[in-house]
């Protein structure tokens, strides 16, 4: 099932741990040299970014592949586009993939791709359009993998591995429109409280 497109060094944008499980396995079975790049400034709030980054580190260690990380959460950029619909998603994909392409071009990679391409819930045609345009301008290849048939298997792998599996896409707008909004918000509050207590912060009435 692995798809080999003839690249030598691939920089793989990693949106999250669960979505990376199946693609990385397929890539390594295909014999490619893979480096992961975790760049997702859309993720809101910061505690959620940290949860997903922790997953990213665990997955990279599990597969023994290099992991590059850049930046954190810049939710105000997505809040400013909350009424933009597909244009907001286009901005999101372009922001992340542009950074991945710059990193790849500057460090000797000849191809890029993204674990976003495993999810049947992402806007695949926009990702492919943006990825192809940016990579062509940079003189490298964007690999249009189609891992969607392995999405459920990848989620099962993530569950077995004990990864945190998020309930919304990532940005503040997707969080607020999620049916899990209240549950996720309570989880975030508890995580922030636990982190504060671990640093000796005490709260008074």
C-alpha atoms as a PDB file:
ATOM      1  CA  UNK A   1       0.000   0.000   0.000  1.00  0.00           C
ATOM      2  CA  UNK A   2       3.027   2.282   0.350  1.00  0.00           C
ATOM      3  CA  UNK A   3       3.355   4.954  -2.351  1.00  0.00           C
ATOM      4  CA  UNK A   4       6.870   5.714  -3.604  1.00  0.00           C
ATOM      5  CA  UNK A   5       7.246   8.901  -5.635  1.00  0.00           C
ATOM      6  CA  UNK A   6      11.013   8.716  -6.088  1.00  0.00           C
ATOM      7  CA  UNK A   7      12.077  11.483  -3.709  1.00  0.00           C
ATOM      8  CA  UNK A   8      15.345  11.306  -1.761  1.00  0.00           C
ATOM      9  CA  UNK A   9      14.582  13.442   1.293  1.00  0.00           C
ATOM     10  CA  UNK A  10      11.018  14.207   2.360  1.00  0.00           C
ATOM     11  CA  UNK A  11       9.997  16.888   4.861  1.00  0.00           C
ATOM     12  CA  UNK A  12       6.606  15.797   6.148  1.00  0.00           C
ATOM     13  CA  UNK A  13       4.355  18.405   7.728  1.00  0.00           C
ATOM     14  CA  UNK A  14       2.870  16.797  10.828  1.00  0.00           C
ATOM     15  CA  UNK A  15      -0.526  18.154  11.839  1.00  0.00           C
ATOM     16  CA  UNK A  16      -0.926  15.819  14.831  1.00  0.00           C
ATOM     17  CA  UNK A  17       0.156  12.481  16.249  1.00  0.00           C
ATOM     18  CA  UNK A  18      -2.886  10.334  15.376  1.00  0.00           C
ATOM     19  CA  UNK A  19      -2.941  11.497  11.748  1.00  0.00           C
ATOM     20  CA  UNK A  20       0.792  10.784  11.446  1.00  0.00           C
ATOM     21  CA  UNK A  21       0.751   7.151  12.593  1.00  0.00           C
ATOM     22  CA  UNK A  22      -0.368   5.539   9.335  1.00  0.00           C
ATOM     23  CA  UNK A  23       1.494   7.842   6.873  1.00  0.00           C
ATOM     24  CA  UNK A  24       4.844   7.510   8.638  1.00  0.00           C
ATOM     25  CA  UNK A  25       4.577   3.748   8.727  1.00  0.00           C
ATOM     26  CA  UNK A  26       3.786   3.690   5.007  1.00  0.00           C
ATOM     27  CA  UNK A  27       6.646   6.039   4.156  1.00  0.00           C
ATOM     28  CA  UNK A  28       9.201   4.079   6.143  1.00  0.00           C
ATOM     29  CA  UNK A  29       8.045   0.816   4.599  1.00  0.00           C
ATOM     30  CA  UNK A  30       8.588   2.449   1.211  1.00  0.00           C
ATOM     31  CA  UNK A  31      12.219   3.109   2.112  1.00  0.00           C
ATOM     32  CA  UNK A  32      12.142   6.904   2.056  1.00  0.00           C
ATOM     33  CA  UNK A  33      14.172   9.273   4.231  1.00  0.00           C
ATOM     34  CA  UNK A  34      11.612  11.168   6.294  1.00  0.00           C
ATOM     35  CA  UNK A  35      11.888  14.155   8.636  1.00  0.00           C
ATOM     36  CA  UNK A  36       8.838  15.491  10.479  1.00  0.00           C
ATOM     37  CA  UNK A  37       8.019  19.186  10.807  1.00  0.00           C
ATOM     38  CA  UNK A  38       5.495  20.206  13.471  1.00  0.00           C
ATOM     39  CA  UNK A  39       4.298  23.681  12.523  1.00  0.00           C
ATOM     40  CA  UNK A  40       0.680  24.410  13.476  1.00  0.00           C
ATOM     41  CA  UNK A  41       0.161  27.994  14.714  1.00  0.00           C
ATOM     42  CA  UNK A  42      -3.583  27.564  14.127  1.00  0.00           C
ATOM     43  CA  UNK A  43      -3.984  25.363  17.207  1.00  0.00           C
ATOM     44  CA  UNK A  44      -5.911  27.050  20.021  1.00  0.00           C
ATOM     45  CA  UNK A  45      -5.459  27.396  22.942  1.00  0.00           C
ATOM     46  CA  UNK A  46      -1.811  26.993  23.901  1.00  0.00           C
ATOM     47  CA  UNK A  47      -2.576  24.071  26.211  1.00  0.00           C
ATOM     48  CA  UNK A  48      -4.063  22.242  23.200  1.00  0.00           C
ATOM     49  CA  UNK A  49      -0.965  23.039  21.158  1.00  0.00           C
ATOM     50  CA  UNK A  50       1.151  21.513  23.926  1.00  0.00           C
ATOM     51  CA  UNK A  51      -0.982  18.348  24.009  1.00  0.00           C
ATOM     52  CA  UNK A  52      -0.569  17.841  20.279  1.00  0.00           C
ATOM     53  CA  UNK A  53       3.127  18.650  20.376  1.00  0.00           C
ATOM     54  CA  UNK A  54       3.593  16.059  23.113  1.00  0.00           C
ATOM     55  CA  UNK A  55       1.937  13.534  20.776  1.00  0.00           C
ATOM     56  CA  UNK A  56       4.246  14.607  17.960  1.00  0.00           C
ATOM     57  CA  UNK A  57       7.321  13.929  20.096  1.00  0.00           C
ATOM     58  CA  UNK A  58       6.008  10.519  21.116  1.00  0.00           C
ATOM     59  CA  UNK A  59       5.321   9.515  17.521  1.00  0.00           C
ATOM     60  CA  UNK A  60       8.737  10.712  16.324  1.00  0.00           C
ATOM     61  CA  UNK A  61      10.434   8.713  19.070  1.00  0.00           C
ATOM     62  CA  UNK A  62       8.309   5.657  18.302  1.00  0.00           C
ATOM     63  CA  UNK A  63       9.286   5.656  14.634  1.00  0.00           C
ATOM     64  CA  UNK A  64      12.811   6.958  15.304  1.00  0.00           C
ATOM     65  CA  UNK A  65      12.568   9.797  12.812  1.00  0.00           C
ATOM     66  CA  UNK A  66      13.844  13.381  13.215  1.00  0.00           C
ATOM     67  CA  UNK A  67      11.375  16.030  14.359  1.00  0.00           C
ATOM     68  CA  UNK A  68      11.625  19.780  13.741  1.00  0.00           C
ATOM     69  CA  UNK A  69       9.288  22.134  15.596  1.00  0.00           C
ATOM     70  CA  UNK A  70       8.583  25.804  15.020  1.00  0.00           C
ATOM     71  CA  UNK A  71       6.380  28.387  16.686  1.00  0.00           C
ATOM     72  CA  UNK A  72       3.285  28.033  18.816  1.00  0.00           C
ATOM     73  CA  UNK A  73      -0.298  29.279  18.727  1.00  0.00           C
ATOM     74  CA  UNK A  74      -1.344  32.482  16.943  1.00  0.00           C
ATOM     75  CA  UNK A  75      -5.099  32.128  17.270  1.00  0.00           C
ATOM     76  CA  UNK A  76      -5.801  35.833  16.601  1.00  0.00           C
ATOM     77  CA  UNK A  77      -5.013  35.251  12.906  1.00  0.00           C
ATOM     78  CA  UNK A  78      -7.804  32.680  12.688  1.00  0.00           C
ATOM     79  CA  UNK A  79     -10.199  34.679  14.858  1.00  0.00           C
ATOM     80  CA  UNK A  80      -9.873  37.557  12.390  1.00  0.00           C
ATOM     81  CA  UNK A  81     -11.092  35.196   9.669  1.00  0.00           C
ATOM     82  CA  UNK A  82     -13.921  33.511  11.583  1.00  0.00           C
ATOM     83  CA  UNK A  83     -16.532  34.394   8.950  1.00  0.00           C
ATOM     84  CA  UNK A  84     -14.394  33.500   5.927  1.00  0.00           C
ATOM     85  CA  UNK A  85     -15.403  29.826   5.496  1.00  0.00           C
ATOM     86  CA  UNK A  86     -13.214  28.046   2.954  1.00  0.00           C
ATOM     87  CA  UNK A  87     -11.002  31.129   2.669  1.00  0.00           C
ATOM     88  CA  UNK A  88     -10.024  30.661   6.313  1.00  0.00           C
ATOM     89  CA  UNK A  89      -9.094  27.034   5.618  1.00  0.00           C
ATOM     90  CA  UNK A  90      -7.134  28.135   2.554  1.00  0.00           C
ATOM     91  CA  UNK A  91      -5.229  30.631   4.721  1.00  0.00           C
ATOM     92  CA  UNK A  92      -4.582  27.905   7.289  1.00  0.00           C
ATOM     93  CA  UNK A  93      -3.189  25.420   4.778  1.00  0.00           C
ATOM     94  CA  UNK A  94      -1.142  28.073   2.998  1.00  0.00           C
ATOM     95  CA  UNK A  95       0.337  29.451   6.232  1.00  0.00           C
ATOM     96  CA  UNK A  96       1.540  26.038   7.354  1.00  0.00           C
ATOM     97  CA  UNK A  97       2.661  24.652   4.021  1.00  0.00           C
ATOM     98  CA  UNK A  98       4.521  27.839   3.067  1.00  0.00           C
ATOM     99  CA  UNK A  99       6.633  27.499   6.204  1.00  0.00           C
ATOM    100  CA  UNK A 100       7.269  23.808   5.503  1.00  0.00           C
ATOM    101  CA  UNK A 101       8.329  24.535   1.925  1.00  0.00           C
ATOM    102  CA  UNK A 102      10.731  27.279   3.061  1.00  0.00           C
ATOM    103  CA  UNK A 103      12.276  24.900   5.588  1.00  0.00           C
ATOM    104  CA  UNK A 104      12.628  22.170   2.983  1.00  0.00           C
ATOM    105  CA  UNK A 105      14.162  24.414   0.325  1.00  0.00           C
ATOM    106  CA  UNK A 106      16.679  25.850   2.786  1.00  0.00           C
ATOM    107  CA  UNK A 107      17.847  22.481   4.112  1.00  0.00           C
ATOM    108  CA  UNK A 108      18.326  20.188   1.135  1.00  0.00           C
ATOM    109  CA  UNK A 109      14.961  18.399   1.016  1.00  0.00           C
ATOM    110  CA  UNK A 110      13.689  17.609  -2.462  1.00  0.00           C
ATOM    111  CA  UNK A 111      10.045  16.991  -1.522  1.00  0.00           C
ATOM    112  CA  UNK A 112       7.353  17.917   0.997  1.00  0.00           C
ATOM    113  CA  UNK A 113       3.978  16.528   1.954  1.00  0.00           C
ATOM    114  CA  UNK A 114       1.551  16.631   4.886  1.00  0.00           C
ATOM    115  CA  UNK A 115      -0.221  14.210   7.197  1.00  0.00           C
ATOM    116  CA  UNK A 116      -3.323  16.322   6.565  1.00  0.00           C
ATOM    117  CA  UNK A 117      -3.739  14.120   3.491  1.00  0.00           C
ATOM    118  CA  UNK A 118      -4.770  11.142   5.614  1.00  0.00           C
ATOM    119  CA  UNK A 119      -7.974  12.719   6.873  1.00  0.00           C
ATOM    120  CA  UNK A 120     -11.256  12.445   4.936  1.00  0.00           C
ATOM    121  CA  UNK A 121     -12.419  15.526   6.879  1.00  0.00           C
ATOM    122  CA  UNK A 122      -9.826  17.922   5.449  1.00  0.00           C
ATOM    123  CA  UNK A 123     -10.341  19.930   2.253  1.00  0.00           C
ATOM    124  CA  UNK A 124      -8.031  17.823   0.121  1.00  0.00           C
ATOM    125  CA  UNK A 125      -8.303  19.750  -3.158  1.00  0.00           C
ATOM    126  CA  UNK A 126      -7.296  22.998  -1.458  1.00  0.00           C
ATOM    127  CA  UNK A 127      -4.317  21.301   0.192  1.00  0.00           C
ATOM    128  CA  UNK A 128      -3.161  19.865  -3.140  1.00  0.00           C
ATOM    129  CA  UNK A 129      -3.598  23.183  -4.940  1.00  0.00           C
ATOM    130  CA  UNK A 130      -1.717  25.156  -2.298  1.00  0.00           C
ATOM    131  CA  UNK A 131       1.013  22.557  -1.870  1.00  0.00           C
ATOM    132  CA  UNK A 132       1.681  22.276  -5.610  1.00  0.00           C
ATOM    133  CA  UNK A 133       1.822  26.043  -6.103  1.00  0.00           C
ATOM    134  CA  UNK A 134       4.191  26.724  -3.199  1.00  0.00           C
ATOM    135  CA  UNK A 135       6.535  23.832  -3.938  1.00  0.00           C
ATOM    136  CA  UNK A 136       6.753  24.640  -7.647  1.00  0.00           C
ATOM    137  CA  UNK A 137       7.746  28.212  -6.798  1.00  0.00           C
ATOM    138  CA  UNK A 138      10.472  26.848  -4.496  1.00  0.00           C
ATOM    139  CA  UNK A 139      11.780  24.305  -6.995  1.00  0.00           C
ATOM    140  CA  UNK A 140      10.893  21.206  -4.995  1.00  0.00           C
ATOM    141  CA  UNK A 141       8.116  18.606  -5.225  1.00  0.00           C
ATOM    142  CA  UNK A 142       4.857  18.412  -3.323  1.00  0.00           C
ATOM    143  CA  UNK A 143       3.862  14.751  -3.028  1.00  0.00           C
ATOM    144  CA  UNK A 144       0.052  14.322  -3.298  1.00  0.00           C
ATOM    145  CA  UNK A 145      -0.240  11.214  -1.152  1.00  0.00           C
ATOM    146  CA  UNK A 146      -3.672   9.715  -0.686  1.00  0.00           C
ATOM    147  CA  UNK A 147      -3.664   7.957   2.669  1.00  0.00           C
ATOM    148  CA  UNK A 148      -7.388   8.273   3.300  1.00  0.00           C
ATOM    149  CA  UNK A 149      -7.982   4.526   3.051  1.00  0.00           C
ATOM    150  CA  UNK A 150      -5.717   4.172   6.101  1.00  0.00           C
ATOM    151  CA  UNK A 151      -7.384   6.831   8.238  1.00  0.00           C
ATOM    152  CA  UNK A 152      -9.357   4.413  10.443  1.00  0.00           C
ATOM    153  CA  UNK A 153      -6.379   2.104  10.805  1.00  0.00           C
ATOM    154  CA  UNK A 154      -4.231   5.052  11.828  1.00  0.00           C
ATOM    155  CA  UNK A 155      -6.771   6.110  14.447  1.00  0.00           C
ATOM    156  CA  UNK A 156      -6.808   2.557  15.824  1.00  0.00           C
ATOM    157  CA  UNK A 157      -2.999   2.623  15.955  1.00  0.00           C
ATOM    158  CA  UNK A 158      -3.133   5.926  17.852  1.00  0.00           C
ATOM    159  CA  UNK A 159      -5.670   4.529  20.311  1.00  0.00           C
ATOM    160  CA  UNK A 160      -3.540   1.435  20.909  1.00  0.00           C
ATOM    161  CA  UNK A 161      -0.458   3.614  21.375  1.00  0.00           C
ATOM    162  CA  UNK A 162      -2.325   5.756  23.915  1.00  0.00           C
ATOM    163  CA  UNK A 163      -2.178   9.036  22.015  1.00  0.00           C
ATOM    164  CA  UNK A 164      -4.444  11.955  22.793  1.00  0.00           C
ATOM    165  CA  UNK A 165      -7.004  12.131  19.986  1.00  0.00           C
ATOM    166  CA  UNK A 166      -8.355  15.647  19.523  1.00  0.00           C
ATOM    167  CA  UNK A 167     -12.017  16.394  18.907  1.00  0.00           C
ATOM    168  CA  UNK A 168     -11.702  19.466  16.678  1.00  0.00           C
ATOM    169  CA  UNK A 169      -9.537  20.626  13.796  1.00  0.00           C
ATOM    170  CA  UNK A 170      -7.433  23.074  15.773  1.00  0.00           C
ATOM    171  CA  UNK A 171      -8.294  26.744  15.348  1.00  0.00           C
ATOM    172  CA  UNK A 172     -10.432  28.794  17.716  1.00  0.00           C
ATOM    173  CA  UNK A 173     -13.291  28.861  15.202  1.00  0.00           C
ATOM    174  CA  UNK A 174     -13.360  25.079  14.821  1.00  0.00           C
ATOM    175  CA  UNK A 175     -13.279  24.706  18.610  1.00  0.00           C
ATOM    176  CA  UNK A 176     -16.246  27.016  19.140  1.00  0.00           C
ATOM    177  CA  UNK A 177     -18.285  25.292  16.435  1.00  0.00           C
ATOM    178  CA  UNK A 178     -17.509  21.800  17.712  1.00  0.00           C
ATOM    179  CA  UNK A 179     -20.206  19.754  19.432  1.00  0.00           C
ATOM    180  CA  UNK A 180     -17.488  18.889  21.975  1.00  0.00           C
ATOM    181  CA  UNK A 181     -16.861  22.568  22.850  1.00  0.00           C
ATOM    182  CA  UNK A 182     -17.952  22.403  26.490  1.00  0.00           C
ATOM    183  CA  UNK A 183     -16.199  19.100  27.160  1.00  0.00           C
ATOM    184  CA  UNK A 184     -12.953  20.246  25.545  1.00  0.00           C
ATOM    185  CA  UNK A 185     -13.080  23.598  27.362  1.00  0.00           C
ATOM    186  CA  UNK A 186     -13.420  21.827  30.717  1.00  0.00           C
ATOM    187  CA  UNK A 187     -10.474  19.578  29.843  1.00  0.00           C
ATOM    188  CA  UNK A 188      -8.383  22.635  28.983  1.00  0.00           C
ATOM    189  CA  UNK A 189      -9.312  24.338  32.249  1.00  0.00           C
ATOM    190  CA  UNK A 190      -8.267  21.269  34.216  1.00  0.00           C
ATOM    191  CA  UNK A 191      -4.965  21.030  32.347  1.00  0.00           C
ATOM    192  CA  UNK A 192      -4.150  24.684  33.020  1.00  0.00           C
ATOM    193  CA  UNK A 193      -5.056  24.265  36.690  1.00  0.00           C
ATOM    194  CA  UNK A 194      -2.894  21.158  37.007  1.00  0.00           C
ATOM    195  CA  UNK A 195       0.035  22.946  35.358  1.00  0.00           C
ATOM    196  CA  UNK A 196      -0.307  25.919  37.698  1.00  0.00           C
ATOM    197  CA  UNK A 197      -0.394  23.674  40.755  1.00  0.00           C
ATOM    198  CA  UNK A 198       2.675  21.802  39.553  1.00  0.00           C
ATOM    199  CA  UNK A 199       4.554  25.119  39.617  1.00  0.00           C
ATOM    200  CA  UNK A 200       3.342  25.925  43.114  1.00  0.00           C
ATOM    201  CA  UNK A 201       0.713  28.475  42.117  1.00  0.00           C
ATOM    202  CA  UNK A 202      -2.095  28.786  44.661  1.00  0.00           C
ATOM    203  CA  UNK A 203      -5.502  30.374  44.148  1.00  0.00           C
ATOM    204  CA  UNK A 204      -7.547  32.284  46.723  1.00  0.00           C
ATOM    205  CA  UNK A 205     -11.115  33.526  46.717  1.00  0.00           C
END
